[in-house]
PDB file of N, CA and C in Angstrom:
ATOM      1  N   MET A   1      16.277 -58.022  52.572  1.00  0.00           N
ATOM      2  CA  MET A   1      17.148 -57.642  51.419  1.00  0.00           C
ATOM      3  C   MET A   1      17.375 -56.057  52.502  1.00  0.00           C
ATOM      4  N   LEU A   2      19.059 -55.774  52.239  1.00  0.00           N
ATOM      5  CA  LEU A   2      19.286 -54.382  52.829  1.00  0.00           C
ATOM      6  C   LEU A   2      18.699 -53.332  51.800  1.00  0.00           C
ATOM      7  N   THR A   3      18.587 -53.537  50.525  1.00  0.00           N
ATOM      8  CA  THR A   3      18.035 -52.585  49.471  1.00  0.00           C
ATOM      9  C   THR A   3      16.713 -52.131  50.086  1.00  0.00           C
ATOM     10  N   GLN A   4      15.984 -52.974  50.847  1.00  0.00           N
ATOM     11  CA  GLN A   4      14.530 -52.592  51.257  1.00  0.00           C
ATOM     12  C   GLN A   4      14.232 -51.753  52.208  1.00  0.00           C
ATOM     13  N   ASP A   5      15.687 -51.888  53.422  1.00  0.00           N
ATOM     14  CA  ASP A   5      15.991 -51.170  54.454  1.00  0.00           C
ATOM     15  C   ASP A   5      15.529 -49.819  54.473  1.00  0.00           C
ATOM     16  N   PRO A   6      14.901 -49.317  55.352  1.00  0.00           N
ATOM     17  CA  PRO A   6      14.471 -47.385  55.188  1.00  0.00           C
ATOM     18  C   PRO A   6      15.926 -46.837  55.588  1.00  0.00           C
ATOM     19  N   ASP A   7      16.738 -47.276  56.224  1.00  0.00           N
ATOM     20  CA  ASP A   7      18.096 -46.853  56.708  1.00  0.00           C
ATOM     21  C   ASP A   7      19.116 -46.848  55.328  1.00  0.00           C
ATOM     22  N   VAL A   8      18.998 -47.736  54.774  1.00  0.00           N
ATOM     23  CA  VAL A   8      19.868 -47.830  53.711  1.00  0.00           C
ATOM     24  C   VAL A   8      19.423 -47.070  52.827  1.00  0.00           C
ATOM     25  N   LYS A   9      18.238 -46.936  52.192  1.00  0.00           N
ATOM     26  CA  LYS A   9      17.678 -46.004  51.168  1.00  0.00           C
ATOM     27  C   LYS A   9      18.008 -44.608  51.652  1.00  0.00           C
ATOM     28  N   ALA A  10      18.146 -44.169  52.885  1.00  0.00           N
ATOM     29  CA  ALA A  10      18.007 -42.713  53.080  1.00  0.00           C
ATOM     30  C   ALA A  10      19.920 -42.512  52.833  1.00  0.00           C
ATOM     31  N   GLU A  11      20.258 -43.653  53.149  1.00  0.00           N
ATOM     32  CA  GLU A  11      22.168 -43.226  53.073  1.00  0.00           C
ATOM     33  C   GLU A  11      22.009 -43.026  51.590  1.00  0.00           C
ATOM     34  N   LEU A  12      21.624 -44.027  50.812  1.00  0.00           N
ATOM     35  CA  LEU A  12      21.673 -43.634  49.455  1.00  0.00           C
ATOM     36  C   LEU A  12      21.322 -42.399  48.587  1.00  0.00           C
ATOM     37  N   VAL A  13      19.810 -42.042  49.413  1.00  0.00           N
ATOM     38  CA  VAL A  13      19.509 -40.967  48.829  1.00  0.00           C
ATOM     39  C   VAL A  13      20.668 -39.735  49.385  1.00  0.00           C
ATOM     40  N   ALA A  14      21.049 -39.745  50.574  1.00  0.00           N
ATOM     41  CA  ALA A  14      21.939 -38.557  51.136  1.00  0.00           C
ATOM     42  C   ALA A  14      23.303 -38.644  50.308  1.00  0.00           C
ATOM     43  N   ASN A  15      24.094 -39.659  49.909  1.00  0.00           N
ATOM     44  CA  ASN A  15      25.582 -39.969  49.255  1.00  0.00           C
ATOM     45  C   ASN A  15      25.172 -39.448  47.890  1.00  0.00           C
ATOM     46  N   THR A  16      24.195 -40.018  47.094  1.00  0.00           N
ATOM     47  CA  THR A  16      23.826 -39.458  45.793  1.00  0.00           C
ATOM     48  C   THR A  16      23.800 -37.735  45.745  1.00  0.00           C
ATOM     49  N   ALA A  17      22.779 -37.356  46.668  1.00  0.00           N
ATOM     50  CA  ALA A  17      22.759 -35.978  46.979  1.00  0.00           C
ATOM     51  C   ALA A  17      24.340 -35.248  47.064  1.00  0.00           C
ATOM     52  N   ARG A  18      24.983 -35.603  48.021  1.00  0.00           N
ATOM     53  CA  ARG A  18      26.520 -35.253  48.005  1.00  0.00           C
ATOM     54  C   ARG A  18      27.207 -35.169  47.088  1.00  0.00           C
ATOM     55  N   ALA A  19      27.089 -36.310  46.241  1.00  0.00           N
ATOM     56  CA  ALA A  19      28.129 -36.671  44.766  1.00  0.00           C
ATOM     57  C   ALA A  19      27.368 -35.615  44.056  1.00  0.00           C
ATOM     58  N   VAL A  20      26.273 -35.052  43.660  1.00  0.00           N
ATOM     59  CA  VAL A  20      25.602 -34.419  42.845  1.00  0.00           C
ATOM     60  C   VAL A  20      26.177 -33.066  43.025  1.00  0.00           C
ATOM     61  N   GLU A  21      26.048 -32.605  44.829  1.00  0.00           N
ATOM     62  CA  GLU A  21      26.604 -31.388  44.782  1.00  0.00           C
ATOM     63  C   GLU A  21      28.032 -31.191  44.639  1.00  0.00           C
ATOM     64  N   ARG A  22      28.889 -32.017  44.788  1.00  0.00           N
ATOM     65  CA  ARG A  22      30.091 -32.055  44.147  1.00  0.00           C
ATOM     66  C   ARG A  22      30.671 -32.082  42.990  1.00  0.00           C
ATOM     67  N   GLY A  23      29.496 -32.298  42.194  1.00  0.00           N
ATOM     68  CA  GLY A  23      29.810 -32.122  40.667  1.00  0.00           C
ATOM     69  C   GLY A  23      29.755 -33.764  39.641  1.00  0.00           C
ATOM     70  N   ALA A  24      29.235 -34.758  40.794  1.00  0.00           N
ATOM     71  CA  ALA A  24      29.270 -36.127  39.916  1.00  0.00           C
ATOM     72  C   ALA A  24      28.196 -35.985  39.043  1.00  0.00           C
ATOM     73  N   PHE A  25      28.540 -36.948  38.032  1.00  0.00           N
ATOM     74  CA  PHE A  25      27.408 -36.564  36.456  1.00  0.00           C
ATOM     75  C   PHE A  25      27.378 -38.115  36.093  1.00  0.00           C
ATOM     76  N   GLY A  26      27.555 -38.762  36.702  1.00  0.00           N
ATOM     77  CA  GLY A  26      27.828 -40.032  36.192  1.00  0.00           C
ATOM     78  C   GLY A  26      28.577 -41.234  36.925  1.00  0.00           C
ATOM     79  N   SER A  27      28.410 -42.538  36.868  1.00  0.00           N
ATOM     80  CA  SER A  27      29.057 -43.513  37.116  1.00  0.00           C
ATOM     81  C   SER A  27      29.863 -44.439  36.108  1.00  0.00           C
ATOM     82  N   PRO A  28      31.041 -44.790  36.819  1.00  0.00           N
ATOM     83  CA  PRO A  28      31.682 -44.594  38.284  1.00  0.00           C
ATOM     84  C   PRO A  28      32.181 -43.259  38.240  1.00  0.00           C
ATOM     85  N   THR A  29      31.932 -42.290  39.503  1.00  0.00           N
ATOM     86  CA  THR A  29      32.644 -41.283  39.620  1.00  0.00           C
ATOM     87  C   THR A  29      33.341 -41.672  40.958  1.00  0.00           C
ATOM     88  N   PHE A  30      34.804 -41.054  40.933  1.00  0.00           N
ATOM     89  CA  PHE A  30      35.510 -41.398  42.154  1.00  0.00           C
ATOM     90  C   PHE A  30      35.811 -39.650  42.846  1.00  0.00           C
ATOM     91  N   LEU A  31      35.843 -39.430  44.206  1.00  0.00           N
ATOM     92  CA  LEU A  31      36.124 -38.441  44.761  1.00  0.00           C
ATOM     93  C   LEU A  31      37.248 -38.826  45.969  1.00  0.00           C
ATOM     94  N   VAL A  32      38.260 -38.345  45.628  1.00  0.00           N
ATOM     95  CA  VAL A  32      39.542 -38.610  46.815  1.00  0.00           C
ATOM     96  C   VAL A  32      39.914 -36.801  47.055  1.00  0.00           C
ATOM     97  N   GLY A  33      39.494 -36.562  48.524  1.00  0.00           N
ATOM     98  CA  GLY A  33      39.435 -35.445  49.162  1.00  0.00           C
ATOM     99  C   GLY A  33      38.868 -34.200  47.883  1.00  0.00           C
ATOM    100  N   ASP A  34      39.217 -33.364  47.420  1.00  0.00           N
ATOM    101  CA  ASP A  34      38.571 -32.314  46.473  1.00  0.00           C
ATOM    102  C   ASP A  34      38.794 -32.612  44.779  1.00  0.00           C
ATOM    103  N   GLU A  35      39.510 -33.993  44.715  1.00  0.00           N
ATOM    104  CA  GLU A  35      39.550 -34.301  42.783  1.00  0.00           C
ATOM    105  C   GLU A  35      38.512 -35.207  43.197  1.00  0.00           C
ATOM    106  N   MET A  36      38.354 -35.537  41.623  1.00  0.00           N
ATOM    107  CA  MET A  36      37.217 -36.184  41.181  1.00  0.00           C
ATOM    108  C   MET A  36      37.854 -36.788  39.858  1.00  0.00           C
ATOM    109  N   TRP A  37      37.327 -37.938  39.785  1.00  0.00           N
ATOM    110  CA  TRP A  37      37.828 -39.078  38.559  1.00  0.00           C
ATOM    111  C   TRP A  37      36.365 -39.331  37.989  1.00  0.00           C
ATOM    112  N   PHE A  38      36.188 -39.614  36.668  1.00  0.00           N
ATOM    113  CA  PHE A  38      35.211 -40.315  35.919  1.00  0.00           C
ATOM    114  C   PHE A  38      35.386 -41.017  35.219  1.00  0.00           C
ATOM    115  N   GLY A  39      34.804 -42.318  35.393  1.00  0.00           N
ATOM    116  CA  GLY A  39      35.286 -43.730  34.265  1.00  0.00           C
ATOM    117  C   GLY A  39      36.153 -44.444  34.977  1.00  0.00           C
ATOM    118  N   LYS A  40      36.237 -45.509  34.556  1.00  0.00           N
ATOM    119  CA  LYS A  40      36.973 -46.633  35.378  1.00  0.00           C
ATOM    120  C   LYS A  40      38.186 -46.832  34.810  1.00  0.00           C
ATOM    121  N   ASP A  41      38.356 -46.201  33.679  1.00  0.00           N
ATOM    122  CA  ASP A  41      39.848 -45.910  33.276  1.00  0.00           C
ATOM    123  C   ASP A  41      40.820 -45.261  34.041  1.00  0.00           C
ATOM    124  N   ARG A  42      40.179 -44.318  34.852  1.00  0.00           N
ATOM    125  CA  ARG A  42      40.666 -43.661  35.726  1.00  0.00           C
ATOM    126  C   ARG A  42      40.975 -44.239  37.210  1.00  0.00           C
ATOM    127  N   LEU A  43      40.713 -45.192  37.422  1.00  0.00           N
ATOM    128  CA  LEU A  43      40.951 -45.939  38.545  1.00  0.00           C
ATOM    129  C   LEU A  43      42.386 -46.033  39.093  1.00  0.00           C
ATOM    130  N   ARG A  44      43.079 -46.363  38.173  1.00  0.00           N
ATOM    131  CA  ARG A  44      44.903 -46.150  38.626  1.00  0.00           C
ATOM    132  C   ARG A  44      45.318 -45.056  39.296  1.00  0.00           C
ATOM    133  N   ASP A  45      44.316 -44.103  38.677  1.00  0.00           N
ATOM    134  CA  ASP A  45      44.606 -42.322  39.200  1.00  0.00           C
ATOM    135  C   ASP A  45      44.272 -42.493  40.519  1.00  0.00           C
ATOM    136  N   VAL A  46      42.872 -42.976  40.998  1.00  0.00           N
ATOM    137  CA  VAL A  46      42.162 -42.777  42.084  1.00  0.00           C
ATOM    138  C   VAL A  46      42.970 -43.631  43.095  1.00  0.00           C
ATOM    139  N   VAL A  47      43.561 -44.742  42.939  1.00  0.00           N
ATOM    140  CA  VAL A  47      44.127 -45.345  43.554  1.00  0.00           C
ATOM    141  C   VAL A  47      45.733 -44.447  44.169  1.00  0.00           C
ATOM    142  N   GLU A  48      46.542 -43.984  43.109  1.00  0.00           N
ATOM    143  CA  GLU A  48      47.540 -43.588  43.329  1.00  0.00           C
ATOM    144  C   GLU A  48      47.197 -42.048  44.566  1.00  0.00           C
ATOM    145  N   ALA A  49      45.912 -41.453  44.122  1.00  0.00           N
ATOM    146  CA  ALA A  49      45.839 -40.312  44.811  1.00  0.00           C
ATOM    147  C   ALA A  49      45.287 -40.921  46.170  1.00  0.00           C
ATOM    148  N   ALA A  50      44.247 -41.861  46.603  1.00  0.00           N
ATOM    149  CA  ALA A  50      43.955 -42.688  47.591  1.00  0.00           C
ATOM    150  C   ALA A  50      45.337 -43.005  48.566  1.00  0.00           C
ATOM    151  N   ALA A  51      46.537 -43.422  47.706  1.00  0.00           N
ATOM    152  CA  ALA A  51      47.464 -43.556  48.853  1.00  0.00           C
ATOM    153  C   ALA A  51      48.478 -42.835  49.369  1.00  0.00           C
ATOM    154  N   VAL A  52      48.036 -41.373  48.738  1.00  0.00           N
ATOM    155  CA  VAL A  52      49.084 -40.248  49.624  1.00  0.00           C
ATOM    156  C   VAL A  52      48.728 -39.929  50.838  1.00  0.00           C
TER     157      VAL A  52
END
């Protein structure tokens, strides 16, 4: 299982640390450039921002 792979675990820890450093406080949090959205109800905004 990939969840038991040490490299995958290390990447998860690093990604989580970067998200917290950028202000993420829950899930789902979406980061596009310097903008952050929280909650699945913001997914349309995330898609629009990513398409620019």
